[in-house]
Amino acid sequence: MTAASNKNLISFLLYFAVGLLVVVILAPYLWLFISSISTKRDLTTIPLRWFPPEPTFENYSRLLLGGTGATDAASQFGRCALNSLIVASMVTLISVFFGSLSAYCLTRINFKGRSTLSFTIIIPQLLPPVALIIPLYLIVRRLGLLDTRFALVMTYTSFILPLVIWLMIGHFRSIPPDIEEAARIDGCSRIGALFRVVLPLVAPGIAATFIFAFIIAWNEFFYALIFSSTQSSKTLSVLVEEFSSKFGEDYVLMSTAGVLASLPPVALALVFQRYIVQGLTAGSVKG
């Protein structure tokens, strides 16, 4: 084979692999959407119908507007969506703010035990949630915080904050200290150099970390299932599960709720896609 033929073959295999990967990634979400615009009869018909003969958006109105036939779980959708938004936003803001400051201290300030602390900060991510759920439950119950948003915010922050610190350490290390020192020579204090010079340079990394933290908090299920039981703190991840258990098996509404629940993180990732790529690239090398 000639060099041109080899190049064409490699290009074909590359595009084929990319196309196959896209299909594997998008196929489950596409089927989720198709299920959401179908009826229960369409989903249980044999042979299987890959697309409903009469698509309907009635399922979305039942969830969002409480239309005819809305179950108790469907009527809770709006409140649970608000709970998820509040909890995920608070956890993300707290984790990114304090995580960025902590990461800056670990990369710029020399103190005894800095290397050990930088390494051990990620240990909470290595522990399985099932090993922590009993002591956390006892603490939350003793504080009288069961079935509250604050309990979820406190719990989520305990394992998202270390991850944020770990990610931001890499971004701060990619910024040469000479830039900060030059700002301090020009009259900036350490805090002034941090907010005027360093943080703008790591803005893509902060944006990428913000999105990752929000997605983790938004999708968390295990702790929300244990710590919440009513509309006052129940999140969307718990509500979606209830369509197939507590309130009977309703795969159509489950699919519809799944589509709606996935929209905020997907939209956030698409809007800030450029920052995600820049953040990953900036944090991958040391300047």
Protein backbone atom coordinates (compact mmCIF):
# COMPACT_ATOMS: atom_id res chain seq x y z
CA MET A 1 0.00 0.00 0.00
CA THR A 2 1.15 3.52 -0.77
CA ALA A 3 1.64 6.23 1.83
CA ALA A 4 -1.52 8.00 0.63
CA SER A 5 -3.56 4.78 0.99
CA ASN A 6 -2.22 4.23 4.51
CA LYS A 7 -3.12 7.81 5.43
CA ASN A 8 -6.64 7.40 4.05
CA LEU A 9 -7.08 4.12 5.92
CA ILE A 10 -5.91 5.64 9.19
CA SER A 11 -8.25 8.61 8.68
CA PHE A 12 -11.17 6.26 7.95
CA LEU A 13 -10.48 4.17 11.05
CA LEU A 14 -10.15 7.32 13.16
CA TYR A 15 -13.45 8.77 11.96
CA PHE A 16 -15.13 5.38 12.35
CA ALA A 17 -13.90 5.10 15.95
CA VAL A 18 -15.06 8.65 16.72
CA GLY A 19 -18.45 7.98 15.13
CA LEU A 20 -18.83 4.75 17.08
CA LEU A 21 -17.92 6.54 20.31
CA VAL A 22 -20.49 9.27 19.62
CA VAL A 23 -23.19 6.66 19.00
CA VAL A 24 -22.34 4.79 22.21
CA ILE A 25 -22.46 8.03 24.23
CA LEU A 26 -25.59 9.54 22.68
CA ALA A 27 -27.67 6.38 22.13
CA PRO A 28 -28.81 5.99 25.78
CA TYR A 29 -29.80 9.65 26.00
CA LEU A 30 -31.60 9.46 22.66
CA TRP A 31 -33.57 6.42 23.82
CA LEU A 32 -34.37 8.26 27.06
CA PHE A 33 -35.86 11.13 25.06
CA ILE A 34 -37.79 8.76 22.76
CA SER A 35 -39.24 7.03 25.82
CA SER A 36 -40.29 10.38 27.26
CA ILE A 37 -42.44 11.20 24.20
CA SER A 38 -43.97 7.71 24.07
CA THR A 39 -46.83 6.04 25.88
CA LYS A 40 -46.58 3.01 28.12
CA ARG A 41 -48.19 0.92 25.36
CA ASP A 42 -45.50 2.03 22.89
CA LEU A 43 -42.73 0.91 25.26
CA THR A 44 -44.29 -2.49 26.00
CA THR A 45 -45.35 -3.39 22.45
CA ILE A 46 -43.74 -6.49 20.93
CA PRO A 47 -41.92 -6.17 18.61
CA LEU A 48 -40.33 -3.04 20.02
CA ARG A 49 -41.13 0.26 18.33
CA TRP A 50 -37.98 2.32 17.99
CA PHE A 51 -40.03 5.49 17.57
CA PRO A 52 -43.60 6.12 18.75
CA PRO A 53 -46.21 6.37 15.94
CA GLU A 54 -47.80 9.35 17.72
CA PRO A 55 -45.22 11.29 19.75
CA THR A 56 -46.67 13.23 22.65
CA PHE A 57 -45.34 15.82 25.09
CA GLU A 58 -48.14 15.21 27.57
CA ASN A 59 -45.65 13.61 29.95
CA TYR A 60 -43.73 16.89 30.20
CA SER A 61 -46.89 18.83 30.99
CA ARG A 62 -47.79 16.29 33.69
CA LEU A 63 -44.44 16.92 35.37
CA LEU A 64 -44.10 20.65 34.85
CA LEU A 65 -47.73 21.70 35.06
CA GLY A 66 -49.36 18.85 37.00
CA GLY A 67 -51.66 17.86 34.17
CA THR A 68 -54.27 15.12 34.07
CA GLY A 69 -53.03 11.88 35.52
CA ALA A 70 -50.15 13.41 37.43
CA THR A 71 -49.07 11.18 40.30
CA ASP A 72 -47.92 12.32 43.71
CA ALA A 73 -44.32 11.96 42.56
CA ALA A 74 -44.99 14.02 39.44
CA SER A 75 -46.54 16.80 41.52
CA GLN A 76 -43.31 17.04 43.52
CA PHE A 77 -41.11 17.63 40.49
CA GLY A 78 -40.97 21.43 40.70
CA ARG A 79 -40.13 21.50 44.40
CA CYS A 80 -37.50 18.77 44.06
CA ALA A 81 -35.93 20.58 41.10
CA LEU A 82 -35.69 23.72 43.24
CA ASN A 83 -34.08 21.70 46.04
CA SER A 84 -31.50 20.26 43.63
CA LEU A 85 -30.71 23.69 42.22
CA ILE A 86 -30.30 25.30 45.65
CA VAL A 87 -28.20 22.49 47.10
CA ALA A 88 -25.96 22.09 44.04
CA SER A 89 -25.44 25.86 43.69
CA MET A 90 -24.58 26.37 47.37
CA VAL A 91 -22.22 23.39 47.46
CA THR A 92 -20.48 24.51 44.27
CA LEU A 93 -20.04 28.12 45.39
CA ILE A 94 -18.74 27.13 48.83
CA SER A 95 -16.42 24.45 47.47
CA VAL A 96 -14.97 26.57 44.65
CA PHE A 97 -14.45 29.64 46.85
CA PHE A 98 -12.76 27.92 49.78
CA GLY A 99 -11.15 25.30 47.55
CA SER A 100 -9.46 27.95 45.41
CA LEU A 101 -8.10 29.79 48.46
CA SER A 102 -6.88 26.52 50.01
CA ALA A 103 -5.22 25.41 46.78
CA TYR A 104 -3.48 28.77 46.51
CA CYS A 105 -2.09 28.42 50.02
CA LEU A 106 -0.86 24.89 49.31
CA THR A 107 0.97 25.99 46.16
CA ARG A 108 2.34 29.41 47.18
CA ILE A 109 2.94 29.35 50.95
CA ASN A 110 5.70 27.20 52.42
CA PHE A 111 4.84 25.60 55.75
CA LYS A 112 5.70 22.38 57.52
CA GLY A 113 3.68 19.41 56.30
CA ARG A 114 2.51 21.10 53.09
CA SER A 115 3.41 18.15 50.85
CA THR A 116 1.74 15.66 53.18
CA LEU A 117 -1.40 17.76 53.42
CA SER A 118 -1.53 18.20 49.63
CA PHE A 119 -1.36 14.43 49.21
CA THR A 120 -3.81 13.45 51.95
CA ILE A 121 -6.43 16.05 50.97
CA ILE A 122 -7.81 13.66 48.36
CA ILE A 123 -8.21 10.70 50.74
CA PRO A 124 -11.96 11.37 51.33
CA GLN A 125 -12.47 10.66 47.61
CA LEU A 126 -10.98 7.18 48.08
CA LEU A 127 -13.46 6.16 50.79
CA PRO A 128 -16.68 4.46 49.62
CA PRO A 129 -19.86 6.31 50.66
CA VAL A 130 -21.25 3.18 52.30
CA ALA A 131 -18.37 3.30 54.80
CA LEU A 132 -19.28 6.84 55.83
CA ILE A 133 -23.05 6.80 55.73
CA ILE A 134 -23.62 5.48 59.29
CA PRO A 135 -21.40 8.00 61.13
CA LEU A 136 -22.67 10.81 58.92
CA TYR A 137 -26.27 9.79 59.57
CA LEU A 138 -25.66 9.76 63.34
CA ILE A 139 -24.07 13.21 63.19
CA VAL A 140 -26.89 14.66 61.09
CA ARG A 141 -29.55 13.14 63.34
CA ARG A 142 -27.82 14.35 66.51
CA LEU A 143 -27.73 17.88 65.08
CA GLY A 144 -31.42 17.67 64.18
CA LEU A 145 -30.73 18.26 60.49
CA LEU A 146 -32.40 15.22 58.96
CA ASP A 147 -34.57 16.05 55.94
CA THR A 148 -33.04 19.50 55.50
CA ARG A 149 -31.15 21.09 52.63
CA PHE A 150 -28.39 22.13 55.01
CA ALA A 151 -27.61 18.48 55.77
CA LEU A 152 -27.13 17.80 52.06
CA VAL A 153 -25.02 20.94 51.58
CA MET A 154 -22.81 19.99 54.52
CA THR A 155 -22.43 16.38 53.35
CA TYR A 156 -21.78 17.17 49.69
CA THR A 157 -19.23 19.83 50.61
CA SER A 158 -17.30 17.31 52.70
CA PHE A 159 -16.35 15.26 49.64
CA ILE A 160 -16.55 17.86 46.83
CA LEU A 161 -14.31 20.42 48.55
CA PRO A 162 -11.25 18.09 48.63
CA LEU A 163 -11.75 17.32 44.94
CA VAL A 164 -11.91 21.05 44.14
CA ILE A 165 -8.72 21.68 46.11
CA TRP A 166 -6.96 18.85 44.29
CA LEU A 167 -8.01 20.17 40.88
CA MET A 168 -7.17 23.79 41.66
CA ILE A 169 -3.69 22.87 42.91
CA GLY A 170 -2.83 21.79 39.38
CA HIS A 171 -4.16 25.04 37.92
CA PHE A 172 -2.26 27.26 40.36
CA ARG A 173 0.94 25.30 39.72
CA SER A 174 0.58 26.08 36.02
CA ILE A 175 0.96 29.82 36.79
CA PRO A 176 4.63 30.89 37.12
CA PRO A 177 5.29 32.48 40.54
CA ASP A 178 7.35 35.17 38.78
CA ILE A 179 4.14 36.80 37.52
CA GLU A 180 2.83 37.15 41.04
CA GLU A 181 6.19 38.38 42.34
CA ALA A 182 6.28 41.05 39.62
CA ALA A 183 2.85 42.26 40.74
CA ARG A 184 4.03 42.44 44.35
CA ILE A 185 7.09 44.43 43.29
CA ASP A 186 4.72 46.91 41.61
CA GLY A 187 2.99 47.46 44.94
CA CYS A 188 0.33 44.72 45.16
CA SER A 189 -0.12 42.87 48.42
CA ARG A 190 -0.35 39.08 48.35
CA ILE A 191 -4.13 39.29 48.46
CA GLY A 192 -4.13 41.97 45.75
CA ALA A 193 -1.88 39.88 43.52
CA LEU A 194 -4.13 36.88 44.08
CA PHE A 195 -7.36 38.62 43.05
CA ARG A 196 -5.93 40.93 40.38
CA VAL A 197 -3.38 38.67 38.71
CA VAL A 198 -3.52 35.01 39.68
CA LEU A 199 -7.27 34.36 39.75
CA PRO A 200 -7.90 35.96 36.30
CA LEU A 201 -5.17 33.73 34.87
CA VAL A 202 -6.74 30.57 36.32
CA ALA A 203 -10.30 31.64 35.43
CA PRO A 204 -10.70 28.82 32.85
CA GLY A 205 -9.62 26.31 35.49
CA ILE A 206 -12.05 27.77 38.01
CA ALA A 207 -14.87 27.58 35.45
CA ALA A 208 -14.07 23.95 34.61
CA THR A 209 -13.85 23.02 38.29
CA PHE A 210 -17.13 24.87 38.97
CA ILE A 211 -18.91 22.82 36.32
CA PHE A 212 -17.49 19.51 37.56
CA ALA A 213 -18.47 20.32 41.15
CA PHE A 214 -21.99 21.35 40.11
CA ILE A 215 -22.53 18.16 38.09
CA ILE A 216 -21.35 15.97 40.99
CA ALA A 217 -23.63 17.76 43.47
CA TRP A 218 -26.58 17.76 41.05
CA ASN A 219 -26.34 14.03 40.30
CA GLU A 220 -25.60 12.79 43.84
CA PHE A 221 -28.10 10.13 44.90
CA PHE A 222 -26.90 7.97 47.78
CA TYR A 223 -26.68 10.59 50.55
CA ALA A 224 -29.82 12.36 49.31
CA LEU A 225 -31.75 9.09 49.52
CA ILE A 226 -30.72 8.55 53.15
CA PHE A 227 -30.96 12.10 54.45
CA SER A 228 -34.15 13.33 52.72
CA SER A 229 -37.67 11.94 52.83
CA THR A 230 -40.08 14.82 52.09
CA GLN A 231 -40.38 17.69 49.63
CA SER A 232 -38.52 19.99 52.01
CA SER A 233 -35.16 18.51 50.97
CA LYS A 234 -35.76 15.76 48.41
CA THR A 235 -33.70 16.17 45.22
CA LEU A 236 -34.44 15.20 41.64
CA SER A 237 -32.17 12.15 41.72
CA VAL A 238 -34.26 10.68 44.54
CA LEU A 239 -37.56 11.64 42.90
CA VAL A 240 -36.65 9.93 39.62
CA GLU A 241 -35.99 6.71 41.51
CA GLU A 242 -39.42 6.89 43.15
CA PHE A 243 -41.19 6.54 39.81
CA SER A 244 -40.15 2.88 39.79
CA SER A 245 -40.58 2.01 43.44
CA LYS A 246 -42.63 3.97 45.93
CA PHE A 247 -45.23 5.19 43.44
CA GLY A 248 -45.25 2.16 41.16
CA GLU A 249 -43.42 1.52 37.92
CA ASP A 250 -43.92 4.42 35.54
CA TYR A 251 -41.10 4.18 33.03
CA VAL A 252 -42.50 6.94 30.83
CA LEU A 253 -42.54 9.57 33.58
CA MET A 254 -39.19 8.27 34.81
CA SER A 255 -37.71 8.89 31.37
CA THR A 256 -39.33 12.32 31.17
CA ALA A 257 -37.98 13.29 34.57
CA GLY A 258 -34.57 11.96 33.56
CA VAL A 259 -34.52 14.16 30.45
CA LEU A 260 -35.52 17.26 32.42
CA ALA A 261 -33.08 16.50 35.23
CA SER A 262 -30.20 16.19 32.78
CA LEU A 263 -30.83 19.53 31.07
CA PRO A 264 -29.17 21.91 33.61
CA PRO A 265 -25.75 20.17 33.75
CA VAL A 266 -25.79 19.51 29.99
CA ALA A 267 -26.66 23.15 29.25
CA LEU A 268 -24.00 24.34 31.70
CA ALA A 269 -21.36 22.13 30.09
CA LEU A 270 -22.30 23.27 26.57
CA VAL A 271 -22.29 26.98 27.45
CA PHE A 272 -18.91 26.78 29.19
CA GLN A 273 -17.38 24.14 26.93
CA ARG A 274 -14.55 26.47 25.91
CA TYR A 275 -13.60 27.04 29.54
CA ILE A 276 -13.63 23.32 30.26
CA VAL A 277 -11.14 22.64 27.46
CA GLN A 278 -8.95 25.58 28.48
CA GLY A 279 -9.10 24.57 32.13
CA LEU A 280 -8.10 20.98 31.43
CA THR A 281 -5.24 22.10 29.18
CA ALA A 282 -4.00 24.76 31.61
CA GLY A 283 -3.95 22.39 34.54
CA SER A 284 -2.15 19.62 32.68
CA VAL A 285 1.24 21.31 32.44
CA LYS A 286 3.43 23.24 34.81
CA GLY A 287 4.55 26.65 33.69
